[in-house]
């Protein structure tokens, strides 16, 4: 078919053109509807059901995660309260133990001081008694020695005097 026939709008081949409503339009629309029905049954419905199942799975996981986060936060708060309570109890116990051990230490220190003082005092008294006994013995020896010398001198003086 020559090109000039297509350019001629009065020719019977070119009548209607793009907007020619004849039986082929109905046939094309029926083919389109059948194609849509087949695509819906074969392709779109399975994909949509998979997407729907996936969305339900995601929503259920998010719900479970939110519930778990709530439970975890409650447990965390309970443990934090327990820790705070335990810390306060431990601080009180530590302060009480410090006070008790300080009292025990002071009591033991006083007893030890008294024992050391008594021991030192006993040792000092014993040492003084020994020193006194030693001094008395030395004095007695010295007195005896001096008295013997005096006696000897007296006797020698007497004997010298009798000789004169």
Protein backbone atom coordinates (compact mmCIF):
# COMPACT_ATOMS: atom_id res chain seq x y z
CA UNK A 1 0.00 0.00 0.00
CA UNK A 2 1.39 3.28 -1.10
CA UNK A 3 1.92 6.06 1.36
CA UNK A 4 -0.27 8.52 -0.44
CA UNK A 5 -3.31 6.35 0.38
CA UNK A 6 -2.58 6.85 4.08
CA UNK A 7 -2.34 10.59 3.65
CA UNK A 8 -5.62 10.78 1.89
CA UNK A 9 -8.28 11.11 4.59
CA UNK A 10 -11.15 10.42 2.18
CA UNK A 11 -9.91 6.97 1.30
CA UNK A 12 -11.76 3.98 2.83
CA UNK A 13 -8.59 2.50 4.41
CA UNK A 14 -7.88 5.54 6.57
CA UNK A 15 -11.38 6.04 7.88
CA UNK A 16 -11.75 6.09 11.69
CA UNK A 17 -8.01 5.86 12.39
CA UNK A 18 -7.06 5.58 16.00
CA UNK A 19 -10.56 6.07 17.32
CA UNK A 20 -12.34 3.56 15.09
CA UNK A 21 -14.81 1.71 17.35
CA UNK A 22 -15.40 -1.65 15.75
CA UNK A 23 -15.33 -5.30 16.88
CA UNK A 24 -11.57 -5.30 17.55
CA UNK A 25 -12.03 -2.80 20.36
CA UNK A 26 -14.40 -5.15 22.15
CA UNK A 27 -12.09 -8.10 21.53
CA UNK A 28 -9.07 -6.19 22.89
CA UNK A 29 -11.03 -5.14 25.98
CA UNK A 30 -12.15 -8.77 26.60
CA UNK A 31 -8.50 -9.93 26.18
CA UNK A 32 -7.42 -7.22 28.63
CA UNK A 33 -10.04 -8.30 31.19
CA UNK A 34 -9.06 -11.98 30.80
CA UNK A 35 -5.38 -11.01 31.19
CA UNK A 36 -6.22 -9.05 34.34
CA UNK A 37 -8.22 -11.99 35.73
CA UNK A 38 -5.36 -14.43 35.01
CA UNK A 39 -2.76 -12.07 36.48
CA UNK A 40 -4.92 -11.60 39.58
CA UNK A 41 -5.31 -15.34 40.05
CA UNK A 42 -1.76 -16.38 39.16
CA UNK A 43 0.45 -13.47 40.19
CA UNK A 44 -1.18 -10.70 42.22
CA UNK A 45 -3.22 -12.72 44.75
CA UNK A 46 -0.26 -14.94 45.86
CA UNK A 47 2.02 -11.91 46.09
CA UNK A 48 -0.62 -9.93 48.02
CA UNK A 49 -1.19 -12.85 50.40
CA UNK A 50 2.57 -13.17 51.00
CA UNK A 51 2.80 -9.42 51.61
CA UNK A 52 -0.22 -9.59 53.95
CA UNK A 53 1.31 -12.53 55.87
CA UNK A 54 4.62 -10.70 56.07
CA UNK A 55 2.94 -7.55 57.40
CA UNK A 56 1.04 -9.60 60.00
CA UNK A 57 4.32 -11.29 61.00
CA UNK A 58 6.06 -7.93 61.32
CA UNK A 59 3.19 -6.44 63.33
CA UNK A 60 3.09 -9.47 65.65
CA UNK A 61 6.88 -9.30 66.14
CA UNK A 62 6.70 -5.59 66.86
CA UNK A 63 3.88 -6.19 69.35
CA UNK A 64 5.85 -8.96 71.04
CA UNK A 65 8.95 -6.76 71.09
CA UNK A 66 6.99 -3.90 72.64
CA UNK A 67 5.58 -6.25 75.30
CA UNK A 68 9.06 -7.64 75.99
CA UNK A 69 10.47 -4.12 76.27
CA UNK A 70 7.73 -3.27 78.77
CA UNK A 71 8.46 -6.41 80.78
CA UNK A 72 12.20 -5.76 80.64
CA UNK A 73 11.72 -2.17 81.78
CA UNK A 74 9.57 -3.37 84.69
CA UNK A 75 12.18 -5.95 85.66
CA UNK A 76 14.93 -3.34 85.29
CA UNK A 77 13.07 -0.91 87.55
CA UNK A 78 12.47 -3.66 90.12
CA UNK A 79 16.15 -4.62 90.10
CA UNK A 80 17.22 -0.98 90.34
CA UNK A 81 14.96 -0.58 93.36
CA UNK A 82 16.42 -3.75 94.86
CA UNK A 83 19.96 -2.52 94.20
CA UNK A 84 19.22 0.84 95.79
CA UNK A 85 17.63 -0.90 98.79
CA UNK A 86 20.58 -3.29 99.04
CA UNK A 87 23.06 -0.39 98.83
CA UNK A 88 21.26 1.45 101.61
CA UNK A 89 21.18 -1.72 103.70
CA UNK A 90 24.86 -2.35 103.02
CA UNK A 91 25.73 1.23 103.99
CA UNK A 92 23.78 0.86 107.23
CA UNK A 93 25.43 -2.49 107.91
CA UNK A 94 28.88 -1.07 107.17
CA UNK A 95 28.29 1.91 109.46
CA UNK A 96 26.98 -0.37 112.21
CA UNK A 97 29.98 -2.71 111.81
CA UNK A 98 32.38 0.23 111.88
CA UNK A 99 30.75 1.51 115.06
CA UNK A 100 30.81 -1.93 116.71
CA UNK A 101 34.41 -2.62 115.68
CA UNK A 102 35.47 0.84 116.88
CA UNK A 103 33.86 0.14 120.26
CA UNK A 104 35.50 -3.30 120.40
CA UNK A 105 38.85 -1.78 119.37
CA UNK A 106 38.57 0.96 122.01
CA UNK A 107 37.58 -1.62 124.67
CA UNK A 108 40.47 -3.93 123.73
CA UNK A 109 42.83 -0.95 123.62
CA UNK A 110 41.81 0.10 127.12
CA UNK A 111 42.22 -3.45 128.42
CA UNK A 112 45.60 -3.71 126.73
CA UNK A 113 46.65 -0.36 128.19
CA UNK A 114 45.58 -1.51 131.63
CA UNK A 115 47.39 -4.83 131.22
CA UNK A 116 50.50 -3.09 129.94
CA UNK A 117 50.24 -0.54 132.72
CA UNK A 118 49.81 -3.30 135.31
CA UNK A 119 52.66 -5.29 133.79
CA UNK A 120 54.91 -2.25 133.69
CA UNK A 121 53.87 -1.35 137.21
CA UNK A 122 54.55 -4.92 138.40
CA UNK A 123 57.88 -4.97 136.60
CA UNK A 124 58.75 -1.55 138.02
CA UNK A 125 57.82 -2.62 141.54
CA UNK A 126 59.81 -5.83 141.12
CA UNK A 127 62.76 -3.91 139.74
CA UNK A 128 62.54 -1.37 142.57
CA UNK A 129 62.35 -4.17 145.14
CA UNK A 130 65.38 -5.82 143.55
CA UNK A 131 67.20 -2.51 143.44
CA UNK A 132 66.26 -1.90 147.09
CA UNK A 133 67.47 -5.36 148.09
CA UNK A 134 70.67 -4.89 146.11
CA UNK A 135 71.19 -1.47 147.58
CA UNK A 136 70.54 -2.76 151.10
CA UNK A 137 72.95 -5.64 150.52
CA UNK A 138 75.55 -3.25 149.16
CA UNK A 139 74.95 -0.88 152.07
CA UNK A 140 75.14 -3.72 154.54
CA UNK A 141 78.37 -4.91 152.99
CA UNK A 142 79.70 -1.36 152.97
CA UNK A 143 78.56 -0.79 156.54
CA UNK A 144 80.19 -4.04 157.60
CA UNK A 145 83.33 -3.10 155.77
CA UNK A 146 83.34 0.40 157.22
CA UNK A 147 82.54 -0.89 160.69
CA UNK A 148 85.37 -3.43 160.44
CA UNK A 149 87.71 -0.67 159.32
CA UNK A 150 86.52 1.51 162.16
CA UNK A 151 86.86 -1.37 164.56
CA UNK A 152 90.29 -2.12 163.24
CA UNK A 153 91.25 1.50 163.51
CA UNK A 154 89.86 1.66 166.96
CA UNK A 155 91.72 -1.46 167.96
CA UNK A 156 94.87 -0.29 166.34
CA UNK A 157 94.45 3.10 167.92
CA UNK A 158 93.84 1.53 171.28
CA UNK A 159 96.80 -0.67 170.88
CA UNK A 160 98.89 2.28 169.87
CA UNK A 161 97.61 4.20 172.77
CA UNK A 162 98.39 1.46 175.10
CA UNK A 163 101.83 1.35 173.73
CA UNK A 164 102.37 4.93 174.40
